[in-house]
């Protein structure tokens, strides 16, 4: 009887241990599937990209170890330099979506007639896909029948071939990308404005704050979480821009609109030679650039929260 009762005692002890730690364990059980997917489909490929970047590999045969040769080639690659500078242009100009989204959100947060219609119109670009955005702006920029050149004709200006001019094409694509990105930032700020403390706003009004002072000292500090998300998403979107370039110019004219993600695709997967190792080296550079910005914003948020607690 003693031996028969022993397994039952152990089972009871196990059940007792789980019940004692149920509150701490249960959230991790729910998170486990997502964490596993994140590890296998995000973290593991990052390390694989680092590994592949040290090899010359066509994706089929045996990889050949070349060390840092791919990175040395990047240092003298003119197309890589153009792609990197275009990414910096995307990064700087794409950040305009954040203040634009904020001011549109402030406008849509008012209680005026027809505000639901305005919200729907501003929300619309966020719903449609990037492919549709690219097609719409390709027609918009068309030098023969596009709306842009039609409006320029009204004021006596000649047709401008935006996507056919190497000096203008990148800015034209960035303009197309800003349209849905502004809508996304607007949604983030509209959500943040719903969480603004009305008591702080009223207290600021009693102290005489209004207009820009109210916005800068009362509203914007309470929108820091939304601003943080907007910054991170906008920076990642600027650095990984691919679909609009593929739809609108396919990297042209003369490779002037390439960015790192598009150049990585050309080198690794297109007709340019299936150079997986070289493409992985470009991906590593792009990842490190993203990591610098994201780490900075995470450190800034952590420092602010630590200062607020102390």
C-alpha atoms as a PDB file:
ATOM      1  CA  UNK A   1       0.000   0.000   0.000  1.00  0.00           C
ATOM      2  CA  UNK A   2       2.886   2.300   0.697  1.00  0.00           C
ATOM      3  CA  UNK A   3       4.316   1.733  -2.797  1.00  0.00           C
ATOM      4  CA  UNK A   4       0.895   2.227  -4.436  1.00  0.00           C
ATOM      5  CA  UNK A   5       0.288   5.472  -2.637  1.00  0.00           C
ATOM      6  CA  UNK A   6       3.674   6.916  -3.637  1.00  0.00           C
ATOM      7  CA  UNK A   7       2.766   7.851  -7.291  1.00  0.00           C
ATOM      8  CA  UNK A   8      -0.452   9.451  -6.082  1.00  0.00           C
ATOM      9  CA  UNK A   9       1.546  11.520  -3.600  1.00  0.00           C
ATOM     10  CA  UNK A  10       3.966  12.600  -6.364  1.00  0.00           C
ATOM     11  CA  UNK A  11       1.070  13.554  -8.684  1.00  0.00           C
ATOM     12  CA  UNK A  12      -0.504  15.572  -5.914  1.00  0.00           C
ATOM     13  CA  UNK A  13       2.832  17.279  -5.290  1.00  0.00           C
ATOM     14  CA  UNK A  14       3.121  18.124  -8.992  1.00  0.00           C
ATOM     15  CA  UNK A  15      -0.417  19.491  -9.099  1.00  0.00           C
ATOM     16  CA  UNK A  16       0.306  21.453  -5.971  1.00  0.00           C
ATOM     17  CA  UNK A  17       3.454  22.969  -7.544  1.00  0.00           C
ATOM     18  CA  UNK A  18       1.524  24.048 -10.658  1.00  0.00           C
ATOM     19  CA  UNK A  19      -1.276  25.563  -8.605  1.00  0.00           C
ATOM     20  CA  UNK A  20       1.232  27.502  -6.537  1.00  0.00           C
ATOM     21  CA  UNK A  21       2.871  28.897  -9.698  1.00  0.00           C
ATOM     22  CA  UNK A  22      -0.174  29.008 -11.944  1.00  0.00           C
ATOM     23  CA  UNK A  23      -0.337  32.818 -12.139  1.00  0.00           C
ATOM     24  CA  UNK A  24       3.323  33.045 -13.185  1.00  0.00           C
ATOM     25  CA  UNK A  25       3.289  30.099 -15.618  1.00  0.00           C
ATOM     26  CA  UNK A  26      -0.020  30.569 -17.461  1.00  0.00           C
ATOM     27  CA  UNK A  27       0.960  33.770 -19.353  1.00  0.00           C
ATOM     28  CA  UNK A  28       4.113  32.035 -20.640  1.00  0.00           C
ATOM     29  CA  UNK A  29       2.045  29.091 -21.868  1.00  0.00           C
ATOM     30  CA  UNK A  30      -0.080  31.481 -23.946  1.00  0.00           C
ATOM     31  CA  UNK A  31       3.026  33.301 -25.183  1.00  0.00           C
ATOM     32  CA  UNK A  32       4.940  30.130 -26.051  1.00  0.00           C
ATOM     33  CA  UNK A  33       3.514  29.618 -29.615  1.00  0.00           C
ATOM     34  CA  UNK A  34       4.210  33.236 -30.567  1.00  0.00           C
ATOM     35  CA  UNK A  35       7.688  33.142 -29.036  1.00  0.00           C
ATOM     36  CA  UNK A  36       8.532  29.933 -30.907  1.00  0.00           C
ATOM     37  CA  UNK A  37       7.356  31.399 -34.217  1.00  0.00           C
ATOM     38  CA  UNK A  38       9.373  34.568 -33.528  1.00  0.00           C
ATOM     39  CA  UNK A  39      12.523  32.572 -32.741  1.00  0.00           C
ATOM     40  CA  UNK A  40      12.285  30.275 -35.764  1.00  0.00           C
ATOM     41  CA  UNK A  41      11.098  32.819 -38.355  1.00  0.00           C
ATOM     42  CA  UNK A  42      12.793  36.050 -37.166  1.00  0.00           C
ATOM     43  CA  UNK A  43      15.718  35.427 -34.810  1.00  0.00           C
ATOM     44  CA  UNK A  44      17.108  32.310 -36.527  1.00  0.00           C
ATOM     45  CA  UNK A  45      17.064  33.868 -40.043  1.00  0.00           C
ATOM     46  CA  UNK A  46      18.974  36.880 -38.707  1.00  0.00           C
ATOM     47  CA  UNK A  47      21.816  34.654 -37.534  1.00  0.00           C
ATOM     48  CA  UNK A  48      21.637  32.658 -40.777  1.00  0.00           C
ATOM     49  CA  UNK A  49      22.036  35.895 -42.756  1.00  0.00           C
ATOM     50  CA  UNK A  50      25.165  36.732 -40.774  1.00  0.00           C
ATOM     51  CA  UNK A  51      26.498  33.238 -41.477  1.00  0.00           C
ATOM     52  CA  UNK A  52      25.694  33.216 -45.206  1.00  0.00           C
ATOM     53  CA  UNK A  53      27.296  36.663 -45.666  1.00  0.00           C
ATOM     54  CA  UNK A  54      30.715  35.032 -45.154  1.00  0.00           C
ATOM     55  CA  UNK A  55      30.201  32.627 -48.090  1.00  0.00           C
ATOM     56  CA  UNK A  56      29.966  32.736 -51.854  1.00  0.00           C
ATOM     57  CA  UNK A  57      26.826  30.724 -52.612  1.00  0.00           C
ATOM     58  CA  UNK A  58      24.392  30.521 -55.507  1.00  0.00           C
ATOM     59  CA  UNK A  59      21.638  28.935 -53.405  1.00  0.00           C
ATOM     60  CA  UNK A  60      22.048  25.452 -54.866  1.00  0.00           C
ATOM     61  CA  UNK A  61      25.647  24.247 -54.815  1.00  0.00           C
ATOM     62  CA  UNK A  62      28.094  23.959 -51.957  1.00  0.00           C
ATOM     63  CA  UNK A  63      28.868  27.314 -50.322  1.00  0.00           C
ATOM     64  CA  UNK A  64      32.453  28.521 -50.444  1.00  0.00           C
ATOM     65  CA  UNK A  65      33.845  30.396 -47.454  1.00  0.00           C
ATOM     66  CA  UNK A  66      35.210  33.818 -48.465  1.00  0.00           C
ATOM     67  CA  UNK A  67      35.390  35.559 -45.090  1.00  0.00           C
ATOM     68  CA  UNK A  68      34.918  39.332 -45.306  1.00  0.00           C
ATOM     69  CA  UNK A  69      35.250  39.457 -49.087  1.00  0.00           C
ATOM     70  CA  UNK A  70      31.561  40.302 -49.596  1.00  0.00           C
ATOM     71  CA  UNK A  71      31.860  43.265 -47.230  1.00  0.00           C
ATOM     72  CA  UNK A  72      35.057  44.455 -48.947  1.00  0.00           C
ATOM     73  CA  UNK A  73      33.224  44.398 -52.258  1.00  0.00           C
ATOM     74  CA  UNK A  74      30.402  46.471 -50.748  1.00  0.00           C
ATOM     75  CA  UNK A  75      32.902  49.206 -49.881  1.00  0.00           C
ATOM     76  CA  UNK A  76      33.719  49.709 -53.578  1.00  0.00           C
ATOM     77  CA  UNK A  77      30.291  48.953 -55.064  1.00  0.00           C
ATOM     78  CA  UNK A  78      28.845  52.108 -56.663  1.00  0.00           C
ATOM     79  CA  UNK A  79      25.333  50.616 -56.814  1.00  0.00           C
ATOM     80  CA  UNK A  80      25.491  49.859 -53.085  1.00  0.00           C
ATOM     81  CA  UNK A  81      26.548  53.455 -52.394  1.00  0.00           C
ATOM     82  CA  UNK A  82      23.600  54.805 -54.413  1.00  0.00           C
ATOM     83  CA  UNK A  83      21.241  52.439 -52.601  1.00  0.00           C
ATOM     84  CA  UNK A  84      22.572  53.526 -49.210  1.00  0.00           C
ATOM     85  CA  UNK A  85      22.157  57.229 -50.013  1.00  0.00           C
ATOM     86  CA  UNK A  86      18.640  56.606 -51.285  1.00  0.00           C
ATOM     87  CA  UNK A  87      17.832  54.845 -48.012  1.00  0.00           C
ATOM     88  CA  UNK A  88      19.033  57.928 -46.128  1.00  0.00           C
ATOM     89  CA  UNK A  89      16.754  60.103 -48.285  1.00  0.00           C
ATOM     90  CA  UNK A  90      13.860  57.779 -47.488  1.00  0.00           C
ATOM     91  CA  UNK A  91      14.725  57.907 -43.803  1.00  0.00           C
ATOM     92  CA  UNK A  92      14.853  61.703 -43.561  1.00  0.00           C
ATOM     93  CA  UNK A  93      11.832  62.503 -45.729  1.00  0.00           C
ATOM     94  CA  UNK A  94       9.699  59.620 -44.439  1.00  0.00           C
ATOM     95  CA  UNK A  95       9.851  61.125 -40.949  1.00  0.00           C
ATOM     96  CA  UNK A  96       7.651  63.950 -42.272  1.00  0.00           C
ATOM     97  CA  UNK A  97       4.774  61.484 -41.912  1.00  0.00           C
ATOM     98  CA  UNK A  98       4.947  61.832 -38.115  1.00  0.00           C
ATOM     99  CA  UNK A  99       4.201  65.578 -37.743  1.00  0.00           C
ATOM    100  CA  UNK A 100       1.788  65.413 -40.683  1.00  0.00           C
ATOM    101  CA  UNK A 101      -0.094  62.551 -39.045  1.00  0.00           C
ATOM    102  CA  UNK A 102      -0.148  64.436 -35.738  1.00  0.00           C
ATOM    103  CA  UNK A 103      -1.689  67.591 -37.213  1.00  0.00           C
ATOM    104  CA  UNK A 104      -4.269  65.640 -39.191  1.00  0.00           C
ATOM    105  CA  UNK A 105      -5.168  63.728 -36.015  1.00  0.00           C
ATOM    106  CA  UNK A 106      -5.561  67.007 -34.117  1.00  0.00           C
ATOM    107  CA  UNK A 107      -7.893  68.235 -36.857  1.00  0.00           C
ATOM    108  CA  UNK A 108      -9.923  65.014 -36.898  1.00  0.00           C
ATOM    109  CA  UNK A 109     -10.191  65.043 -33.092  1.00  0.00           C
ATOM    110  CA  UNK A 110     -12.512  68.038 -33.282  1.00  0.00           C
ATOM    111  CA  UNK A 111     -16.288  67.816 -33.090  1.00  0.00           C
ATOM    112  CA  UNK A 112     -17.364  69.491 -36.315  1.00  0.00           C
ATOM    113  CA  UNK A 113     -19.946  68.661 -38.953  1.00  0.00           C
ATOM    114  CA  UNK A 114     -18.901  65.915 -41.350  1.00  0.00           C
ATOM    115  CA  UNK A 115     -15.944  64.767 -39.243  1.00  0.00           C
ATOM    116  CA  UNK A 116     -16.746  61.081 -39.892  1.00  0.00           C
ATOM    117  CA  UNK A 117     -16.456  61.677 -43.633  1.00  0.00           C
ATOM    118  CA  UNK A 118     -13.104  63.410 -43.155  1.00  0.00           C
ATOM    119  CA  UNK A 119     -11.846  60.530 -41.007  1.00  0.00           C
ATOM    120  CA  UNK A 120     -12.862  58.025 -43.671  1.00  0.00           C
ATOM    121  CA  UNK A 121     -11.088  59.985 -46.411  1.00  0.00           C
ATOM    122  CA  UNK A 122      -7.870  60.293 -44.423  1.00  0.00           C
ATOM    123  CA  UNK A 123      -8.067  56.659 -43.295  1.00  0.00           C
ATOM    124  CA  UNK A 124      -8.552  55.338 -46.839  1.00  0.00           C
ATOM    125  CA  UNK A 125      -4.829  55.269 -47.886  1.00  0.00           C
ATOM    126  CA  UNK A 126      -4.012  53.013 -44.931  1.00  0.00           C
ATOM    127  CA  UNK A 127      -6.494  50.367 -46.108  1.00  0.00           C
ATOM    128  CA  UNK A 128      -5.305  49.945 -49.699  1.00  0.00           C
ATOM    129  CA  UNK A 129      -2.203  47.907 -50.523  1.00  0.00           C
ATOM    130  CA  UNK A 130       1.193  49.327 -51.464  1.00  0.00           C
ATOM    131  CA  UNK A 131       0.807  47.853 -54.955  1.00  0.00           C
ATOM    132  CA  UNK A 132      -2.344  49.893 -55.538  1.00  0.00           C
ATOM    133  CA  UNK A 133      -0.635  53.001 -54.130  1.00  0.00           C
ATOM    134  CA  UNK A 134       2.243  52.474 -56.550  1.00  0.00           C
ATOM    135  CA  UNK A 135      -0.087  52.108 -59.531  1.00  0.00           C
ATOM    136  CA  UNK A 136      -2.137  55.168 -58.548  1.00  0.00           C
ATOM    137  CA  UNK A 137       0.944  57.380 -58.243  1.00  0.00           C
ATOM    138  CA  UNK A 138       2.422  55.968 -61.461  1.00  0.00           C
ATOM    139  CA  UNK A 139      -0.680  57.226 -63.248  1.00  0.00           C
ATOM    140  CA  UNK A 140      -0.572  60.459 -61.246  1.00  0.00           C
ATOM    141  CA  UNK A 141       3.016  61.164 -62.404  1.00  0.00           C
ATOM    142  CA  UNK A 142       2.472  60.056 -66.016  1.00  0.00           C
ATOM    143  CA  UNK A 143       3.872  62.793 -68.306  1.00  0.00           C
ATOM    144  CA  UNK A 144       1.137  62.365 -70.956  1.00  0.00           C
ATOM    145  CA  UNK A 145      -2.158  62.060 -69.079  1.00  0.00           C
ATOM    146  CA  UNK A 146      -1.238  62.224 -65.382  1.00  0.00           C
ATOM    147  CA  UNK A 147      -3.077  64.545 -63.036  1.00  0.00           C
ATOM    148  CA  UNK A 148       0.171  66.173 -61.861  1.00  0.00           C
ATOM    149  CA  UNK A 149       1.123  67.368 -65.327  1.00  0.00           C
ATOM    150  CA  UNK A 150      -2.472  68.354 -66.041  1.00  0.00           C
ATOM    151  CA  UNK A 151      -2.397  70.676 -63.026  1.00  0.00           C
ATOM    152  CA  UNK A 152       1.032  71.991 -64.013  1.00  0.00           C
ATOM    153  CA  UNK A 153      -0.400  72.770 -67.448  1.00  0.00           C
ATOM    154  CA  UNK A 154      -3.064  74.965 -65.836  1.00  0.00           C
ATOM    155  CA  UNK A 155      -0.367  77.339 -64.598  1.00  0.00           C
ATOM    156  CA  UNK A 156       1.666  77.202 -67.817  1.00  0.00           C
ATOM    157  CA  UNK A 157       4.389  74.783 -66.756  1.00  0.00           C
ATOM    158  CA  UNK A 158       5.619  72.079 -69.068  1.00  0.00           C
ATOM    159  CA  UNK A 159       5.217  68.336 -68.470  1.00  0.00           C
ATOM    160  CA  UNK A 160       7.582  66.788 -65.923  1.00  0.00           C
ATOM    161  CA  UNK A 161       8.533  63.128 -66.223  1.00  0.00           C
ATOM    162  CA  UNK A 162       8.988  62.496 -62.514  1.00  0.00           C
ATOM    163  CA  UNK A 163       9.651  58.758 -62.667  1.00  0.00           C
ATOM    164  CA  UNK A 164      11.814  59.072 -65.780  1.00  0.00           C
ATOM    165  CA  UNK A 165      14.179  61.659 -64.306  1.00  0.00           C
ATOM    166  CA  UNK A 166      17.015  60.174 -62.193  1.00  0.00           C
ATOM    167  CA  UNK A 167      17.106  63.299 -60.018  1.00  0.00           C
ATOM    168  CA  UNK A 168      13.354  63.271 -59.276  1.00  0.00           C
ATOM    169  CA  UNK A 169      12.318  59.620 -59.333  1.00  0.00           C
ATOM    170  CA  UNK A 170      13.349  58.780 -55.762  1.00  0.00           C
ATOM    171  CA  UNK A 171      11.491  61.802 -54.383  1.00  0.00           C
ATOM    172  CA  UNK A 172       8.421  60.862 -56.412  1.00  0.00           C
ATOM    173  CA  UNK A 173       8.387  57.367 -54.909  1.00  0.00           C
ATOM    174  CA  UNK A 174       8.909  58.763 -51.402  1.00  0.00           C
ATOM    175  CA  UNK A 175       5.925  61.061 -51.976  1.00  0.00           C
ATOM    176  CA  UNK A 176       3.837  58.022 -52.884  1.00  0.00           C
ATOM    177  CA  UNK A 177       5.015  56.206 -49.748  1.00  0.00           C
ATOM    178  CA  UNK A 178       4.188  59.151 -47.507  1.00  0.00           C
ATOM    179  CA  UNK A 179       0.502  58.999 -48.468  1.00  0.00           C
ATOM    180  CA  UNK A 180      -0.337  55.752 -46.582  1.00  0.00           C
ATOM    181  CA  UNK A 181       2.336  56.340 -43.924  1.00  0.00           C
ATOM    182  CA  UNK A 182       0.755  59.640 -42.891  1.00  0.00           C
ATOM    183  CA  UNK A 183      -2.564  57.815 -42.552  1.00  0.00           C
ATOM    184  CA  UNK A 184      -0.932  55.210 -40.290  1.00  0.00           C
ATOM    185  CA  UNK A 185       0.639  57.863 -38.040  1.00  0.00           C
ATOM    186  CA  UNK A 186      -2.699  59.664 -37.937  1.00  0.00           C
ATOM    187  CA  UNK A 187      -4.398  56.512 -36.616  1.00  0.00           C
ATOM    188  CA  UNK A 188      -1.733  56.125 -33.917  1.00  0.00           C
ATOM    189  CA  UNK A 189      -2.174  59.717 -32.781  1.00  0.00           C
ATOM    190  CA  UNK A 190      -5.965  59.537 -32.864  1.00  0.00           C
ATOM    191  CA  UNK A 191      -5.713  56.573 -30.502  1.00  0.00           C
ATOM    192  CA  UNK A 192      -3.266  58.483 -28.309  1.00  0.00           C
ATOM    193  CA  UNK A 193      -5.480  61.571 -28.184  1.00  0.00           C
ATOM    194  CA  UNK A 194      -8.285  59.468 -26.720  1.00  0.00           C
ATOM    195  CA  UNK A 195      -5.985  58.737 -23.765  1.00  0.00           C
ATOM    196  CA  UNK A 196      -5.026  62.376 -23.097  1.00  0.00           C
ATOM    197  CA  UNK A 197      -5.959  63.404 -19.561  1.00  0.00           C
ATOM    198  CA  UNK A 198      -8.691  66.075 -19.812  1.00  0.00           C
ATOM    199  CA  UNK A 199      -7.898  67.295 -16.292  1.00  0.00           C
ATOM    200  CA  UNK A 200      -4.368  68.265 -17.359  1.00  0.00           C
ATOM    201  CA  UNK A 201      -5.756  70.081 -20.382  1.00  0.00           C
ATOM    202  CA  UNK A 202      -8.257  71.963 -18.230  1.00  0.00           C
ATOM    203  CA  UNK A 203      -5.595  72.856 -15.674  1.00  0.00           C
ATOM    204  CA  UNK A 204      -3.356  74.175 -18.451  1.00  0.00           C
ATOM    205  CA  UNK A 205      -6.231  76.295 -19.777  1.00  0.00           C
ATOM    206  CA  UNK A 206      -6.730  77.809 -16.325  1.00  0.00           C
ATOM    207  CA  UNK A 207      -3.010  78.661 -16.265  1.00  0.00           C
ATOM    208  CA  UNK A 208      -3.380  80.487 -19.580  1.00  0.00           C
ATOM    209  CA  UNK A 209      -1.853  77.857 -21.890  1.00  0.00           C
ATOM    210  CA  UNK A 210      -3.333  77.691 -25.365  1.00  0.00           C
ATOM    211  CA  UNK A 211      -2.381  77.096 -28.974  1.00  0.00           C
ATOM    212  CA  UNK A 212       1.215  75.975 -29.488  1.00  0.00           C
ATOM    213  CA  UNK A 213       2.030  76.093 -25.773  1.00  0.00           C
ATOM    214  CA  UNK A 214      -0.860  73.756 -24.998  1.00  0.00           C
ATOM    215  CA  UNK A 215       0.249  71.411 -27.769  1.00  0.00           C
ATOM    216  CA  UNK A 216       3.964  71.407 -26.882  1.00  0.00           C
ATOM    217  CA  UNK A 217       3.818  71.279 -23.084  1.00  0.00           C
ATOM    218  CA  UNK A 218       0.580  69.374 -22.410  1.00  0.00           C
ATOM    219  CA  UNK A 219      -0.595  67.320 -25.402  1.00  0.00           C
ATOM    220  CA  UNK A 220       2.644  66.059 -26.983  1.00  0.00           C
ATOM    221  CA  UNK A 221       4.187  64.787 -23.686  1.00  0.00           C
ATOM    222  CA  UNK A 222       1.126  62.592 -23.218  1.00  0.00           C
ATOM    223  CA  UNK A 223       1.513  61.276 -26.771  1.00  0.00           C
ATOM    224  CA  UNK A 224       5.009  59.862 -26.213  1.00  0.00           C
ATOM    225  CA  UNK A 225       3.941  56.185 -26.503  1.00  0.00           C
ATOM    226  CA  UNK A 226       2.204  56.891 -29.832  1.00  0.00           C
ATOM    227  CA  UNK A 227       5.199  58.945 -31.004  1.00  0.00           C
ATOM    228  CA  UNK A 228       7.576  56.121 -30.107  1.00  0.00           C
ATOM    229  CA  UNK A 229       5.575  53.581 -32.112  1.00  0.00           C
ATOM    230  CA  UNK A 230       5.244  56.036 -35.014  1.00  0.00           C
ATOM    231  CA  UNK A 231       9.016  56.617 -35.067  1.00  0.00           C
ATOM    232  CA  UNK A 232       9.890  52.924 -34.960  1.00  0.00           C
ATOM    233  CA  UNK A 233       7.352  51.889 -37.600  1.00  0.00           C
ATOM    234  CA  UNK A 234       8.220  54.820 -39.873  1.00  0.00           C
ATOM    235  CA  UNK A 235      11.969  54.176 -39.672  1.00  0.00           C
ATOM    236  CA  UNK A 236      11.526  50.464 -40.344  1.00  0.00           C
ATOM    237  CA  UNK A 237       9.172  51.263 -43.234  1.00  0.00           C
ATOM    238  CA  UNK A 238      11.688  53.710 -44.724  1.00  0.00           C
ATOM    239  CA  UNK A 239      14.606  51.295 -44.484  1.00  0.00           C
ATOM    240  CA  UNK A 240      12.760  48.258 -45.831  1.00  0.00           C
ATOM    241  CA  UNK A 241      10.974  50.056 -48.685  1.00  0.00           C
ATOM    242  CA  UNK A 242      10.712  47.674 -51.624  1.00  0.00           C
ATOM    243  CA  UNK A 243       7.247  47.243 -53.105  1.00  0.00           C
ATOM    244  CA  UNK A 244       6.721  50.829 -54.299  1.00  0.00           C
ATOM    245  CA  UNK A 245      10.116  50.855 -55.999  1.00  0.00           C
ATOM    246  CA  UNK A 246       9.413  47.518 -57.665  1.00  0.00           C
ATOM    247  CA  UNK A 247       6.015  48.682 -58.948  1.00  0.00           C
ATOM    248  CA  UNK A 248       6.864  52.252 -59.973  1.00  0.00           C
ATOM    249  CA  UNK A 249      10.395  52.113 -61.426  1.00  0.00           C
ATOM    250  CA  UNK A 250      11.856  48.626 -60.839  1.00  0.00           C
ATOM    251  CA  UNK A 251      14.988  50.357 -59.577  1.00  0.00           C
ATOM    252  CA  UNK A 252      15.350  52.664 -62.594  1.00  0.00           C
ATOM    253  CA  UNK A 253      15.973  54.885 -64.328  1.00  0.00           C
ATOM    254  CA  UNK A 254      19.584  53.672 -64.581  1.00  0.00           C
ATOM    255  CA  UNK A 255      19.434  52.223 -61.050  1.00  0.00           C
ATOM    256  CA  UNK A 256      18.887  55.655 -59.512  1.00  0.00           C
ATOM    257  CA  UNK A 257      15.971  54.586 -57.272  1.00  0.00           C
ATOM    258  CA  UNK A 258      17.505  51.461 -55.776  1.00  0.00           C
ATOM    259  CA  UNK A 259      17.487  51.078 -52.001  1.00  0.00           C
ATOM    260  CA  UNK A 260      19.275  48.429 -49.941  1.00  0.00           C
ATOM    261  CA  UNK A 261      16.334  46.020 -49.765  1.00  0.00           C
ATOM    262  CA  UNK A 262      15.747  46.228 -53.528  1.00  0.00           C
ATOM    263  CA  UNK A 263      19.453  45.880 -54.306  1.00  0.00           C
ATOM    264  CA  UNK A 264      19.619  42.879 -51.983  1.00  0.00           C
ATOM    265  CA  UNK A 265      16.778  41.271 -53.968  1.00  0.00           C
ATOM    266  CA  UNK A 266      18.529  42.007 -57.264  1.00  0.00           C
ATOM    267  CA  UNK A 267      21.794  40.448 -56.141  1.00  0.00           C
ATOM    268  CA  UNK A 268      20.342  37.436 -54.341  1.00  0.00           C
ATOM    269  CA  UNK A 269      17.213  36.425 -56.250  1.00  0.00           C
ATOM    270  CA  UNK A 270      16.923  38.143 -59.619  1.00  0.00           C
ATOM    271  CA  UNK A 271      18.678  37.653 -62.939  1.00  0.00           C
ATOM    272  CA  UNK A 272      21.814  39.388 -61.663  1.00  0.00           C
ATOM    273  CA  UNK A 273      23.455  36.158 -60.580  1.00  0.00           C
ATOM    274  CA  UNK A 274      21.899  34.520 -57.477  1.00  0.00           C
ATOM    275  CA  UNK A 275      24.688  35.786 -55.218  1.00  0.00           C
ATOM    276  CA  UNK A 276      23.186  34.728 -51.902  1.00  0.00           C
ATOM    277  CA  UNK A 277      26.266  35.594 -49.864  1.00  0.00           C
ATOM    278  CA  UNK A 278      26.521  39.099 -51.295  1.00  0.00           C
ATOM    279  CA  UNK A 279      22.781  39.634 -50.825  1.00  0.00           C
ATOM    280  CA  UNK A 280      23.085  38.448 -47.221  1.00  0.00           C
ATOM    281  CA  UNK A 281      25.905  40.974 -46.643  1.00  0.00           C
ATOM    282  CA  UNK A 282      23.595  43.765 -47.859  1.00  0.00           C
ATOM    283  CA  UNK A 283      20.867  42.418 -45.556  1.00  0.00           C
ATOM    284  CA  UNK A 284      23.282  42.484 -42.597  1.00  0.00           C
ATOM    285  CA  UNK A 285      24.162  46.124 -43.259  1.00  0.00           C
ATOM    286  CA  UNK A 286      20.469  47.018 -43.480  1.00  0.00           C
ATOM    287  CA  UNK A 287      19.729  45.120 -40.262  1.00  0.00           C
ATOM    288  CA  UNK A 288      22.529  46.907 -38.377  1.00  0.00           C
ATOM    289  CA  UNK A 289      21.239  50.306 -39.509  1.00  0.00           C
ATOM    290  CA  UNK A 290      17.756  49.409 -38.275  1.00  0.00           C
ATOM    291  CA  UNK A 291      19.205  48.053 -35.030  1.00  0.00           C
ATOM    292  CA  UNK A 292      20.980  51.335 -34.274  1.00  0.00           C
ATOM    293  CA  UNK A 293      17.796  53.397 -34.562  1.00  0.00           C
ATOM    294  CA  UNK A 294      15.562  50.941 -32.715  1.00  0.00           C
ATOM    295  CA  UNK A 295      18.109  50.484 -29.905  1.00  0.00           C
ATOM    296  CA  UNK A 296      18.374  54.243 -29.521  1.00  0.00           C
ATOM    297  CA  UNK A 297      14.611  54.689 -29.203  1.00  0.00           C
ATOM    298  CA  UNK A 298      14.299  51.770 -26.782  1.00  0.00           C
ATOM    299  CA  UNK A 299      17.114  53.217 -24.663  1.00  0.00           C
ATOM    300  CA  UNK A 300      15.457  56.642 -24.701  1.00  0.00           C
ATOM    301  CA  UNK A 301      12.117  55.202 -23.580  1.00  0.00           C
ATOM    302  CA  UNK A 302      13.791  53.137 -20.850  1.00  0.00           C
ATOM    303  CA  UNK A 303      15.682  56.198 -19.591  1.00  0.00           C
ATOM    304  CA  UNK A 304      12.498  58.286 -19.476  1.00  0.00           C
ATOM    305  CA  UNK A 305      10.575  55.594 -17.610  1.00  0.00           C
ATOM    306  CA  UNK A 306      13.446  55.139 -15.166  1.00  0.00           C
ATOM    307  CA  UNK A 307      13.571  58.896 -14.566  1.00  0.00           C
ATOM    308  CA  UNK A 308       9.808  59.040 -14.058  1.00  0.00           C
ATOM    309  CA  UNK A 309       9.954  56.253 -11.441  1.00  0.00           C
ATOM    310  CA  UNK A 310      12.795  57.842  -9.538  1.00  0.00           C
END
